[in-house]
């Protein structure tokens, strides 16, 4: 078996998660979190669309982790993202973290907004 070391761009991969927290770039974050090319920060959840819109020129898609269960994004949030031309995909937070890490390792322009599990 051949192993290749993965190199990430400026963004940090998600190293782990658990009840109410995420570990990103060696730091533990409590509650909802947003990470991508601009770094990692606490996220205000669905009502904090401004943080997602600020990534418009930096990413091609934002994954939104909806917690332990998959859920639809609120219609107004989806409409704002569509109007801004930002691709957004909703999935469970564990699935969003894994998908983000894979695409990040491929050098893709991605971000992820995660609600805690």
PDB file of N, CA and C in Angstrom:
ATOM      1  N   UNK A   1       0.837  -1.157   0.000  1.00  0.00           N
ATOM      2  CA  UNK A   1       0.000   0.000   0.000  1.00  0.00           C
ATOM      3  C   UNK A   1       0.893   1.235   0.000  1.00  0.00           C
ATOM      4  N   UNK A   2       0.533   2.190  -0.805  1.00  0.00           N
ATOM      5  CA  UNK A   2       1.290   3.438  -0.864  1.00  0.00           C
ATOM      6  C   UNK A   2       0.541   4.502  -0.071  1.00  0.00           C
ATOM      7  N   UNK A   3       1.246   5.195   0.808  1.00  0.00           N
ATOM      8  CA  UNK A   3       0.651   6.267   1.596  1.00  0.00           C
ATOM      9  C   UNK A   3       1.189   7.603   1.118  1.00  0.00           C
ATOM     10  N   UNK A   4       0.313   8.556   1.006  1.00  0.00           N
ATOM     11  CA  UNK A   4       0.700   9.910   0.615  1.00  0.00           C
ATOM     12  C   UNK A   4       0.355  10.855   1.747  1.00  0.00           C
ATOM     13  N   UNK A   5       1.272  11.742   2.073  1.00  0.00           N
ATOM     14  CA  UNK A   5       0.989  12.737   3.093  1.00  0.00           C
ATOM     15  C   UNK A   5       0.101  13.811   2.485  1.00  0.00           C
ATOM     16  N   UNK A   6      -0.917  14.191   3.234  1.00  0.00           N
ATOM     17  CA  UNK A   6      -1.856  15.204   2.766  1.00  0.00           C
ATOM     18  C   UNK A   6      -1.365  16.567   3.186  1.00  0.00           C
ATOM     19  N   UNK A   7      -1.376  17.500   2.250  1.00  0.00           N
ATOM     20  CA  UNK A   7      -1.031  18.880   2.555  1.00  0.00           C
ATOM     21  C   UNK A   7      -2.277  19.734   2.378  1.00  0.00           C
ATOM     22  N   UNK A   8      -2.577  20.515   3.396  1.00  0.00           N
ATOM     23  CA  UNK A   8      -3.731  21.399   3.339  1.00  0.00           C
ATOM     24  C   UNK A   8      -3.255  22.798   2.998  1.00  0.00           C
ATOM     25  N   UNK A   9      -4.144  23.601   2.385  1.00  0.00           N
ATOM     26  CA  UNK A   9      -3.793  24.997   2.123  1.00  0.00           C
ATOM     27  C   UNK A   9      -3.841  25.763   3.444  1.00  0.00           C
ATOM     28  N   UNK A  10      -4.147  27.030   3.447  1.00  0.00           N
ATOM     29  CA  UNK A  10      -4.142  27.813   4.678  1.00  0.00           C
ATOM     30  C   UNK A  10      -5.203  27.369   5.676  1.00  0.00           C
ATOM     31  N   UNK A  11      -6.202  26.655   5.247  1.00  0.00           N
ATOM     32  CA  UNK A  11      -7.288  26.222   6.121  1.00  0.00           C
ATOM     33  C   UNK A  11      -6.859  25.032   6.968  1.00  0.00           C
ATOM     34  N   UNK A  12      -7.421  24.950   8.165  1.00  0.00           N
ATOM     35  CA  UNK A  12      -7.145  23.829   9.052  1.00  0.00           C
ATOM     36  C   UNK A  12      -8.206  22.743   8.884  1.00  0.00           C
ATOM     37  N   UNK A  13      -7.806  21.474   8.883  1.00  0.00           N
ATOM     38  CA  UNK A  13      -8.788  20.393   8.830  1.00  0.00           C
ATOM     39  C   UNK A  13      -9.493  20.245  10.177  1.00  0.00           C
ATOM     40  N   UNK A  14     -10.637  19.602  10.151  1.00  0.00           N
ATOM     41  CA  UNK A  14     -11.365  19.290  11.378  1.00  0.00           C
ATOM     42  C   UNK A  14     -10.791  17.996  11.913  1.00  0.00           C
ATOM     43  N   UNK A  15     -10.246  18.068  13.104  1.00  0.00           N
ATOM     44  CA  UNK A  15      -9.548  16.923  13.690  1.00  0.00           C
ATOM     45  C   UNK A  15     -10.457  16.042  14.538  1.00  0.00           C
ATOM     46  N   UNK A  16     -11.553  16.578  15.020  1.00  0.00           N
ATOM     47  CA  UNK A  16     -12.446  15.787  15.844  1.00  0.00           C
ATOM     48  C   UNK A  16     -13.654  16.598  16.276  1.00  0.00           C
ATOM     49  N   UNK A  17     -14.629  15.899  16.827  1.00  0.00           N
ATOM     50  CA  UNK A  17     -15.835  16.545  17.334  1.00  0.00           C
ATOM     51  C   UNK A  17     -16.474  15.633  18.364  1.00  0.00           C
ATOM     52  N   UNK A  18     -17.339  16.207  19.155  1.00  0.00           N
ATOM     53  CA  UNK A  18     -18.063  15.459  20.175  1.00  0.00           C
ATOM     54  C   UNK A  18     -19.249  16.283  20.629  1.00  0.00           C
ATOM     55  N   UNK A  19     -19.897  15.873  21.694  1.00  0.00           N
ATOM     56  CA  UNK A  19     -21.087  16.594  22.159  1.00  0.00           C
ATOM     57  C   UNK A  19     -20.770  18.061  22.476  1.00  0.00           C
ATOM     58  N   UNK A  20     -21.191  18.963  21.610  1.00  0.00           N
ATOM     59  CA  UNK A  20     -21.052  20.389  21.848  1.00  0.00           C
ATOM     60  C   UNK A  20     -19.721  21.012  21.486  1.00  0.00           C
ATOM     61  N   UNK A  21     -18.792  20.265  20.878  1.00  0.00           N
ATOM     62  CA  UNK A  21     -17.485  20.851  20.552  1.00  0.00           C
ATOM     63  C   UNK A  21     -16.929  20.305  19.246  1.00  0.00           C
ATOM     64  N   UNK A  22     -15.948  21.071  18.699  1.00  0.00           N
ATOM     65  CA  UNK A  22     -15.186  20.667  17.525  1.00  0.00           C
ATOM     66  C   UNK A  22     -13.717  20.964  17.812  1.00  0.00           C
ATOM     67  N   UNK A  23     -12.808  20.138  17.307  1.00  0.00           N
ATOM     68  CA  UNK A  23     -11.377  20.403  17.420  1.00  0.00           C
ATOM     69  C   UNK A  23     -10.853  20.686  16.013  1.00  0.00           C
ATOM     70  N   UNK A  24     -10.364  21.916  15.833  1.00  0.00           N
ATOM     71  CA  UNK A  24      -9.909  22.381  14.533  1.00  0.00           C
ATOM     72  C   UNK A  24      -8.563  23.060  14.721  1.00  0.00           C
ATOM     73  N   UNK A  25      -7.563  22.609  13.986  1.00  0.00           N
ATOM     74  CA  UNK A  25      -6.244  23.222  14.071  1.00  0.00           C
ATOM     75  C   UNK A  25      -5.650  23.175  15.467  1.00  0.00           C
ATOM     76  N   UNK A  26      -5.943  22.110  16.202  1.00  0.00           N
ATOM     77  CA  UNK A  26      -5.398  21.942  17.542  1.00  0.00           C
ATOM     78  C   UNK A  26      -6.125  22.713  18.623  1.00  0.00           C
ATOM     79  N   UNK A  27      -7.180  23.426  18.263  1.00  0.00           N
ATOM     80  CA  UNK A  27      -7.935  24.209  19.240  1.00  0.00           C
ATOM     81  C   UNK A  27      -9.348  23.648  19.362  1.00  0.00           C
ATOM     82  N   UNK A  28      -9.865  23.634  20.575  1.00  0.00           N
ATOM     83  CA  UNK A  28     -11.230  23.163  20.820  1.00  0.00           C
ATOM     84  C   UNK A  28     -12.180  24.354  20.778  1.00  0.00           C
ATOM     85  N   UNK A  29     -13.240  24.212  20.011  1.00  0.00           N
ATOM     86  CA  UNK A  29     -14.276  25.235  19.871  1.00  0.00           C
ATOM     87  C   UNK A  29     -15.582  24.697  20.420  1.00  0.00           C
ATOM     88  N   UNK A  30     -16.221  25.423  21.298  1.00  0.00           N
ATOM     89  CA  UNK A  30     -17.523  25.029  21.835  1.00  0.00           C
ATOM     90  C   UNK A  30     -18.621  25.680  21.012  1.00  0.00           C
ATOM     91  N   UNK A  31     -19.698  24.946  20.803  1.00  0.00           N
ATOM     92  CA  UNK A  31     -20.836  25.483  20.069  1.00  0.00           C
ATOM     93  C   UNK A  31     -20.622  25.473  18.572  1.00  0.00           C
ATOM     94  N   UNK A  32     -21.430  26.274  17.881  1.00  0.00           N
ATOM     95  CA  UNK A  32     -21.371  26.348  16.424  1.00  0.00           C
ATOM     96  C   UNK A  32     -20.079  27.035  15.982  1.00  0.00           C
ATOM     97  N   UNK A  33     -19.534  26.567  14.849  1.00  0.00           N
ATOM     98  CA  UNK A  33     -18.239  27.064  14.377  1.00  0.00           C
ATOM     99  C   UNK A  33     -18.245  27.159  12.850  1.00  0.00           C
ATOM    100  N   UNK A  34     -17.469  28.114  12.339  1.00  0.00           N
ATOM    101  CA  UNK A  34     -17.292  28.301  10.904  1.00  0.00           C
ATOM    102  C   UNK A  34     -15.802  28.270  10.620  1.00  0.00           C
ATOM    103  N   UNK A  35     -15.394  27.447   9.650  1.00  0.00           N
ATOM    104  CA  UNK A  35     -13.974  27.389   9.304  1.00  0.00           C
ATOM    105  C   UNK A  35     -13.804  27.312   7.791  1.00  0.00           C
ATOM    106  N   UNK A  36     -12.712  27.909   7.338  1.00  0.00           N
ATOM    107  CA  UNK A  36     -12.414  27.945   5.909  1.00  0.00           C
ATOM    108  C   UNK A  36     -11.177  28.786   5.677  1.00  0.00           C
ATOM    109  N   UNK A  37     -11.039  29.353   4.477  1.00  0.00           N
ATOM    110  CA  UNK A  37      -9.842  30.109   4.137  1.00  0.00           C
ATOM    111  C   UNK A  37      -9.592  31.323   5.036  1.00  0.00           C
ATOM    112  N   UNK A  38     -10.642  31.888   5.622  1.00  0.00           N
ATOM    113  CA  UNK A  38     -10.489  33.074   6.471  1.00  0.00           C
ATOM    114  C   UNK A  38     -10.145  32.704   7.912  1.00  0.00           C
ATOM    115  N   UNK A  39     -10.010  31.405   8.200  1.00  0.00           N
ATOM    116  CA  UNK A  39      -9.721  30.964   9.561  1.00  0.00           C
ATOM    117  C   UNK A  39     -10.948  30.357  10.216  1.00  0.00           C
ATOM    118  N   UNK A  40     -10.857  30.160  11.511  1.00  0.00           N
ATOM    119  CA  UNK A  40     -11.925  29.537  12.272  1.00  0.00           C
ATOM    120  C   UNK A  40     -12.471  30.527  13.288  1.00  0.00           C
ATOM    121  N   UNK A  41     -13.796  30.547  13.438  1.00  0.00           N
ATOM    122  CA  UNK A  41     -14.446  31.450  14.386  1.00  0.00           C
ATOM    123  C   UNK A  41     -15.755  30.829  14.853  1.00  0.00           C
ATOM    124  N   UNK A  42     -16.231  31.293  15.986  1.00  0.00           N
ATOM    125  CA  UNK A  42     -17.568  30.898  16.425  1.00  0.00           C
ATOM    126  C   UNK A  42     -18.568  31.392  15.393  1.00  0.00           C
ATOM    127  N   UNK A  43     -19.647  30.640  15.233  1.00  0.00           N
ATOM    128  CA  UNK A  43     -20.668  30.984  14.244  1.00  0.00           C
ATOM    129  C   UNK A  43     -21.995  31.134  14.965  1.00  0.00           C
ATOM    130  N   UNK A  44     -22.778  32.117  14.585  1.00  0.00           N
ATOM    131  CA  UNK A  44     -24.058  32.394  15.231  1.00  0.00           C
ATOM    132  C   UNK A  44     -25.206  31.541  14.737  1.00  0.00           C
ATOM    133  N   UNK A  45     -24.928  30.487  13.997  1.00  0.00           N
ATOM    134  CA  UNK A  45     -25.986  29.610  13.501  1.00  0.00           C
ATOM    135  C   UNK A  45     -26.691  30.184  12.286  1.00  0.00           C
ATOM    136  N   UNK A  46     -27.857  29.651  11.991  1.00  0.00           N
ATOM    137  CA  UNK A  46     -28.585  30.031  10.776  1.00  0.00           C
ATOM    138  C   UNK A  46     -28.826  31.536  10.664  1.00  0.00           C
ATOM    139  N   UNK A  47     -28.979  32.225  11.778  1.00  0.00           N
ATOM    140  CA  UNK A  47     -29.243  33.665  11.758  1.00  0.00           C
ATOM    141  C   UNK A  47     -28.008  34.470  11.359  1.00  0.00           C
ATOM    142  N   UNK A  48     -26.829  33.854  11.378  1.00  0.00           N
ATOM    143  CA  UNK A  48     -25.577  34.544  11.068  1.00  0.00           C
ATOM    144  C   UNK A  48     -25.198  34.347   9.603  1.00  0.00           C
ATOM    145  N   UNK A  49     -26.057  34.793   8.712  1.00  0.00           N
ATOM    146  CA  UNK A  49     -25.780  34.631   7.279  1.00  0.00           C
ATOM    147  C   UNK A  49     -24.660  35.552   6.813  1.00  0.00           C
ATOM    148  N   UNK A  50     -24.424  36.658   7.521  1.00  0.00           N
ATOM    149  CA  UNK A  50     -23.376  37.599   7.116  1.00  0.00           C
ATOM    150  C   UNK A  50     -22.007  36.928   7.107  1.00  0.00           C
ATOM    151  N   UNK A  51     -21.752  36.052   8.068  1.00  0.00           N
ATOM    152  CA  UNK A  51     -20.457  35.351   8.110  1.00  0.00           C
ATOM    153  C   UNK A  51     -20.285  34.450   6.892  1.00  0.00           C
ATOM    154  N   UNK A  52     -21.372  33.838   6.440  1.00  0.00           N
ATOM    155  CA  UNK A  52     -21.308  32.976   5.254  1.00  0.00           C
ATOM    156  C   UNK A  52     -21.161  33.817   3.981  1.00  0.00           C
ATOM    157  N   UNK A  53     -21.912  34.909   3.911  1.00  0.00           N
ATOM    158  CA  UNK A  53     -21.848  35.778   2.731  1.00  0.00           C
ATOM    159  C   UNK A  53     -20.467  36.412   2.573  1.00  0.00           C
ATOM    160  N   UNK A  54     -19.770  36.624   3.672  1.00  0.00           N
ATOM    161  CA  UNK A  54     -18.432  37.224   3.618  1.00  0.00           C
ATOM    162  C   UNK A  54     -17.425  36.322   2.902  1.00  0.00           C
ATOM    163  N   UNK A  55     -17.746  35.045   2.751  1.00  0.00           N
ATOM    164  CA  UNK A  55     -16.842  34.093   2.105  1.00  0.00           C
ATOM    165  C   UNK A  55     -17.059  33.988   0.595  1.00  0.00           C
ATOM    166  N   UNK A  56     -17.955  34.782   0.066  1.00  0.00           N
ATOM    167  CA  UNK A  56     -18.354  34.663  -1.345  1.00  0.00           C
ATOM    168  C   UNK A  56     -17.182  34.580  -2.314  1.00  0.00           C
ATOM    169  N   UNK A  57     -16.207  35.441  -2.181  1.00  0.00           N
ATOM    170  CA  UNK A  57     -15.102  35.453  -3.142  1.00  0.00           C
ATOM    171  C   UNK A  57     -14.008  34.448  -2.810  1.00  0.00           C
ATOM    172  N   UNK A  58     -14.118  33.773  -1.656  1.00  0.00           N
ATOM    173  CA  UNK A  58     -13.063  32.862  -1.224  1.00  0.00           C
ATOM    174  C   UNK A  58     -13.381  31.378  -1.414  1.00  0.00           C
ATOM    175  N   UNK A  59     -14.657  31.047  -1.573  1.00  0.00           N
ATOM    176  CA  UNK A  59     -15.034  29.630  -1.657  1.00  0.00           C
ATOM    177  C   UNK A  59     -15.991  29.383  -2.810  1.00  0.00           C
ATOM    178  N   UNK A  60     -16.033  28.123  -3.226  1.00  0.00           N
ATOM    179  CA  UNK A  60     -16.990  27.700  -4.249  1.00  0.00           C
ATOM    180  C   UNK A  60     -18.226  27.079  -3.619  1.00  0.00           C
ATOM    181  N   UNK A  61     -18.050  26.510  -2.433  1.00  0.00           N
ATOM    182  CA  UNK A  61     -19.174  25.872  -1.741  1.00  0.00           C
ATOM    183  C   UNK A  61     -18.953  25.947  -0.235  1.00  0.00           C
ATOM    184  N   UNK A  62     -20.065  26.082   0.487  1.00  0.00           N
ATOM    185  CA  UNK A  62     -20.049  26.041   1.943  1.00  0.00           C
ATOM    186  C   UNK A  62     -20.913  24.857   2.374  1.00  0.00           C
ATOM    187  N   UNK A  63     -20.327  23.969   3.151  1.00  0.00           N
ATOM    188  CA  UNK A  63     -21.084  22.867   3.724  1.00  0.00           C
ATOM    189  C   UNK A  63     -21.655  23.335   5.052  1.00  0.00           C
ATOM    190  N   UNK A  64     -22.919  23.049   5.280  1.00  0.00           N
ATOM    191  CA  UNK A  64     -23.559  23.425   6.536  1.00  0.00           C
ATOM    192  C   UNK A  64     -23.924  22.148   7.269  1.00  0.00           C
ATOM    193  N   UNK A  65     -23.282  21.946   8.408  1.00  0.00           N
ATOM    194  CA  UNK A  65     -23.589  20.802   9.252  1.00  0.00           C
ATOM    195  C   UNK A  65     -24.758  21.151  10.147  1.00  0.00           C
ATOM    196  N   UNK A  66     -25.838  20.393  10.034  1.00  0.00           N
ATOM    197  CA  UNK A  66     -27.084  20.709  10.732  1.00  0.00           C
ATOM    198  C   UNK A  66     -27.201  20.016  12.084  1.00  0.00           C
ATOM    199  N   UNK A  67     -26.093  19.545  12.626  1.00  0.00           N
ATOM    200  CA  UNK A  67     -26.122  18.848  13.910  1.00  0.00           C
ATOM    201  C   UNK A  67     -26.131  17.346  13.695  1.00  0.00           C
ATOM    202  N   UNK A  68     -26.728  16.626  14.636  1.00  0.00           N
ATOM    203  CA  UNK A  68     -26.751  15.164  14.576  1.00  0.00           C
ATOM    204  C   UNK A  68     -27.725  14.629  13.533  1.00  0.00           C
ATOM    205  N   UNK A  69     -28.724  15.410  13.205  1.00  0.00           N
ATOM    206  CA  UNK A  69     -29.743  14.998  12.235  1.00  0.00           C
ATOM    207  C   UNK A  69     -29.699  15.928  11.025  1.00  0.00           C
ATOM    208  N   UNK A  70     -29.944  15.365   9.859  1.00  0.00           N
ATOM    209  CA  UNK A  70     -29.984  16.193   8.657  1.00  0.00           C
ATOM    210  C   UNK A  70     -31.275  17.008   8.672  1.00  0.00           C
ATOM    211  N   UNK A  71     -31.169  18.254   8.244  1.00  0.00           N
ATOM    212  CA  UNK A  71     -32.319  19.152   8.207  1.00  0.00           C
ATOM    213  C   UNK A  71     -32.169  20.081   7.012  1.00  0.00           C
ATOM    214  N   UNK A  72     -33.291  20.605   6.565  1.00  0.00           N
ATOM    215  CA  UNK A  72     -33.258  21.605   5.500  1.00  0.00           C
ATOM    216  C   UNK A  72     -32.797  22.930   6.084  1.00  0.00           C
ATOM    217  N   UNK A  73     -32.094  23.708   5.285  1.00  0.00           N
ATOM    218  CA  UNK A  73     -31.727  25.054   5.712  1.00  0.00           C
ATOM    219  C   UNK A  73     -32.973  25.931   5.720  1.00  0.00           C
ATOM    220  N   UNK A  74     -33.031  26.911   6.610  1.00  0.00           N
ATOM    221  CA  UNK A  74     -34.166  27.839   6.572  1.00  0.00           C
ATOM    222  C   UNK A  74     -34.275  28.475   5.184  1.00  0.00           C
ATOM    223  N   UNK A  75     -35.505  28.667   4.733  1.00  0.00           N
ATOM    224  CA  UNK A  75     -35.733  29.174   3.375  1.00  0.00           C
ATOM    225  C   UNK A  75     -35.060  30.517   3.137  1.00  0.00           C
ATOM    226  N   UNK A  76     -35.077  31.411   4.136  1.00  0.00           N
ATOM    227  CA  UNK A  76     -34.472  32.727   3.937  1.00  0.00           C
ATOM    228  C   UNK A  76     -32.946  32.624   3.804  1.00  0.00           C
ATOM    229  N   UNK A  77     -32.325  31.725   4.551  1.00  0.00           N
ATOM    230  CA  UNK A  77     -30.877  31.523   4.439  1.00  0.00           C
ATOM    231  C   UNK A  77     -30.530  30.949   3.066  1.00  0.00           C
ATOM    232  N   UNK A  78     -31.272  29.950   2.640  1.00  0.00           N
ATOM    233  CA  UNK A  78     -31.050  29.346   1.316  1.00  0.00           C
ATOM    234  C   UNK A  78     -31.214  30.399   0.224  1.00  0.00           C
ATOM    235  N   UNK A  79     -32.237  31.241   0.342  1.00  0.00           N
ATOM    236  CA  UNK A  79     -32.478  32.280  -0.664  1.00  0.00           C
ATOM    237  C   UNK A  79     -31.327  33.288  -0.700  1.00  0.00           C
ATOM    238  N   UNK A  80     -30.814  33.691   0.467  1.00  0.00           N
ATOM    239  CA  UNK A  80     -29.679  34.625   0.509  1.00  0.00           C
ATOM    240  C   UNK A  80     -28.444  34.033  -0.170  1.00  0.00           C
ATOM    241  N   UNK A  81     -28.171  32.771   0.094  1.00  0.00           N
ATOM    242  CA  UNK A  81     -27.002  32.125  -0.498  1.00  0.00           C
ATOM    243  C   UNK A  81     -27.168  31.991  -2.009  1.00  0.00           C
ATOM    244  N   UNK A  82     -28.366  31.615  -2.448  1.00  0.00           N
ATOM    245  CA  UNK A  82     -28.634  31.490  -3.880  1.00  0.00           C
ATOM    246  C   UNK A  82     -28.490  32.842  -4.574  1.00  0.00           C
ATOM    247  N   UNK A  83     -29.039  33.888  -3.961  1.00  0.00           N
ATOM    248  CA  UNK A  83     -28.971  35.225  -4.551  1.00  0.00           C
ATOM    249  C   UNK A  83     -27.524  35.714  -4.658  1.00  0.00           C
ATOM    250  N   UNK A  84     -26.697  35.343  -3.690  1.00  0.00           N
ATOM    251  CA  UNK A  84     -25.289  35.747  -3.702  1.00  0.00           C
ATOM    252  C   UNK A  84     -24.437  34.857  -4.609  1.00  0.00           C
ATOM    253  N   UNK A  85     -25.024  33.771  -5.098  1.00  0.00           N
ATOM    254  CA  UNK A  85     -24.284  32.859  -5.970  1.00  0.00           C
ATOM    255  C   UNK A  85     -23.329  31.946  -5.219  1.00  0.00           C
ATOM    256  N   UNK A  86     -23.627  31.686  -3.950  1.00  0.00           N
ATOM    257  CA  UNK A  86     -22.787  30.814  -3.130  1.00  0.00           C
ATOM    258  C   UNK A  86     -23.418  29.428  -3.080  1.00  0.00           C
ATOM    259  N   UNK A  87     -22.645  28.421  -3.463  1.00  0.00           N
ATOM    260  CA  UNK A  87     -23.124  27.049  -3.352  1.00  0.00           C
ATOM    261  C   UNK A  87     -23.158  26.650  -1.886  1.00  0.00           C
ATOM    262  N   UNK A  88     -24.239  26.045  -1.467  1.00  0.00           N
ATOM    263  CA  UNK A  88     -24.376  25.619  -0.070  1.00  0.00           C
ATOM    264  C   UNK A  88     -25.025  24.241  -0.040  1.00  0.00           C
ATOM    265  N   UNK A  89     -24.471  23.356   0.773  1.00  0.00           N
ATOM    266  CA  UNK A  89     -24.975  21.992   0.894  1.00  0.00           C
ATOM    267  C   UNK A  89     -25.202  21.679   2.362  1.00  0.00           C
ATOM    268  N   UNK A  90     -26.400  21.260   2.701  1.00  0.00           N
ATOM    269  CA  UNK A  90     -26.732  20.889   4.079  1.00  0.00           C
ATOM    270  C   UNK A  90     -26.600  19.385   4.260  1.00  0.00           C
ATOM    271  N   UNK A  91     -26.024  18.980   5.389  1.00  0.00           N
ATOM    272  CA  UNK A  91     -25.875  17.580   5.760  1.00  0.00           C
ATOM    273  C   UNK A  91     -25.632  17.516   7.258  1.00  0.00           C
ATOM    274  N   UNK A  92     -25.582  16.341   7.832  1.00  0.00           N
ATOM    275  CA  UNK A  92     -25.274  16.254   9.253  1.00  0.00           C
ATOM    276  C   UNK A  92     -23.882  16.838   9.506  1.00  0.00           C
ATOM    277  N   UNK A  93     -23.632  17.285  10.719  1.00  0.00           N
ATOM    278  CA  UNK A  93     -22.315  17.863  11.025  1.00  0.00           C
ATOM    279  C   UNK A  93     -21.171  16.862  10.843  1.00  0.00           C
ATOM    280  N   UNK A  94     -21.320  15.597  11.278  1.00  0.00           N
ATOM    281  CA  UNK A  94     -20.226  14.653  11.012  1.00  0.00           C
ATOM    282  C   UNK A  94     -19.945  14.471   9.516  1.00  0.00           C
ATOM    283  N   UNK A  95     -20.989  14.381   8.704  1.00  0.00           N
ATOM    284  CA  UNK A  95     -20.803  14.232   7.258  1.00  0.00           C
ATOM    285  C   UNK A  95     -20.182  15.490   6.659  1.00  0.00           C
ATOM    286  N   UNK A  96     -20.605  16.661   7.125  1.00  0.00           N
ATOM    287  CA  UNK A  96     -20.044  17.918   6.623  1.00  0.00           C
ATOM    288  C   UNK A  96     -18.559  18.021   6.968  1.00  0.00           C
ATOM    289  N   UNK A  97     -18.182  17.607   8.171  1.00  0.00           N
ATOM    290  CA  UNK A  97     -16.772  17.654   8.580  1.00  0.00           C
ATOM    291  C   UNK A  97     -15.927  16.736   7.707  1.00  0.00           C
ATOM    292  N   UNK A  98     -16.405  15.531   7.454  1.00  0.00           N
ATOM    293  CA  UNK A  98     -15.660  14.593   6.614  1.00  0.00           C
ATOM    294  C   UNK A  98     -15.543  15.104   5.182  1.00  0.00           C
ATOM    295  N   UNK A  99     -16.650  15.575   4.627  1.00  0.00           N
ATOM    296  CA  UNK A  99     -16.651  16.076   3.251  1.00  0.00           C
ATOM    297  C   UNK A  99     -15.721  17.271   3.111  1.00  0.00           C
ATOM    298  N   UNK A 100     -15.775  18.174   4.076  1.00  0.00           N
ATOM    299  CA  UNK A 100     -14.892  19.340   4.080  1.00  0.00           C
ATOM    300  C   UNK A 100     -13.429  18.899   4.080  1.00  0.00           C
ATOM    301  N   UNK A 101     -13.072  17.970   4.949  1.00  0.00           N
ATOM    302  CA  UNK A 101     -11.678  17.517   5.028  1.00  0.00           C
ATOM    303  C   UNK A 101     -11.203  16.897   3.718  1.00  0.00           C
ATOM    304  N   UNK A 102     -12.040  16.098   3.087  1.00  0.00           N
ATOM    305  CA  UNK A 102     -11.653  15.453   1.830  1.00  0.00           C
ATOM    306  C   UNK A 102     -11.421  16.497   0.746  1.00  0.00           C
ATOM    307  N   UNK A 103     -12.377  17.413   0.594  1.00  0.00           N
ATOM    308  CA  UNK A 103     -12.225  18.421  -0.462  1.00  0.00           C
ATOM    309  C   UNK A 103     -11.100  19.400  -0.144  1.00  0.00           C
ATOM    310  N   UNK A 104     -10.892  19.692   1.122  1.00  0.00           N
ATOM    311  CA  UNK A 104      -9.773  20.546   1.521  1.00  0.00           C
ATOM    312  C   UNK A 104      -8.449  19.890   1.152  1.00  0.00           C
ATOM    313  N   UNK A 105      -8.352  18.573   1.347  1.00  0.00           N
ATOM    314  CA  UNK A 105      -7.117  17.855   1.013  1.00  0.00           C
ATOM    315  C   UNK A 105      -6.858  17.853  -0.486  1.00  0.00           C
ATOM    316  N   UNK A 106      -7.898  18.057  -1.284  1.00  0.00           N
ATOM    317  CA  UNK A 106      -7.758  18.132  -2.736  1.00  0.00           C
ATOM    318  C   UNK A 106      -7.455  19.549  -3.206  1.00  0.00           C
ATOM    319  N   UNK A 107      -7.351  20.482  -2.262  1.00  0.00           N
ATOM    320  CA  UNK A 107      -7.056  21.861  -2.613  1.00  0.00           C
ATOM    321  C   UNK A 107      -8.252  22.657  -3.075  1.00  0.00           C
ATOM    322  N   UNK A 108      -9.448  22.162  -2.803  1.00  0.00           N
ATOM    323  CA  UNK A 108     -10.668  22.846  -3.240  1.00  0.00           C
ATOM    324  C   UNK A 108     -10.958  24.058  -2.367  1.00  0.00           C
ATOM    325  N   UNK A 109     -11.710  25.004  -2.905  1.00  0.00           N
ATOM    326  CA  UNK A 109     -12.079  26.235  -2.196  1.00  0.00           C
ATOM    327  C   UNK A 109     -13.386  25.993  -1.442  1.00  0.00           C
ATOM    328  N   UNK A 110     -13.268  25.529  -0.203  1.00  0.00           N
ATOM    329  CA  UNK A 110     -14.437  25.146   0.580  1.00  0.00           C
ATOM    330  C   UNK A 110     -14.391  25.773   1.972  1.00  0.00           C
ATOM    331  N   UNK A 111     -15.568  25.846   2.579  1.00  0.00           N
ATOM    332  CA  UNK A 111     -15.704  26.247   3.976  1.00  0.00           C
ATOM    333  C   UNK A 111     -16.788  25.365   4.573  1.00  0.00           C
ATOM    334  N   UNK A 112     -16.855  25.338   5.905  1.00  0.00           N
ATOM    335  CA  UNK A 112     -17.874  24.559   6.568  1.00  0.00           C
ATOM    336  C   UNK A 112     -18.378  25.322   7.794  1.00  0.00           C
ATOM    337  N   UNK A 113     -19.697  25.347   7.943  1.00  0.00           N
ATOM    338  CA  UNK A 113     -20.353  25.943   9.097  1.00  0.00           C
ATOM    339  C   UNK A 113     -21.040  24.779   9.829  1.00  0.00           C
ATOM    340  N   UNK A 114     -20.708  24.603  11.094  1.00  0.00           N
ATOM    341  CA  UNK A 114     -21.165  23.413  11.810  1.00  0.00           C
ATOM    342  C   UNK A 114     -21.961  23.753  13.068  1.00  0.00           C
ATOM    343  N   UNK A 115     -23.137  23.141  13.183  1.00  0.00           N
ATOM    344  CA  UNK A 115     -23.869  23.171  14.441  1.00  0.00           C
ATOM    345  C   UNK A 115     -23.421  21.955  15.246  1.00  0.00           C
ATOM    346  N   UNK A 116     -23.336  22.085  16.566  1.00  0.00           N
ATOM    347  CA  UNK A 116     -22.826  20.971  17.374  1.00  0.00           C
ATOM    348  C   UNK A 116     -23.724  19.740  17.329  1.00  0.00           C
ATOM    349  N   UNK A 117     -23.100  18.594  17.560  1.00  0.00           N
ATOM    350  CA  UNK A 117     -23.833  17.323  17.632  1.00  0.00           C
ATOM    351  C   UNK A 117     -24.223  17.034  19.066  1.00  0.00           C
TER     352      UNK A 117
END
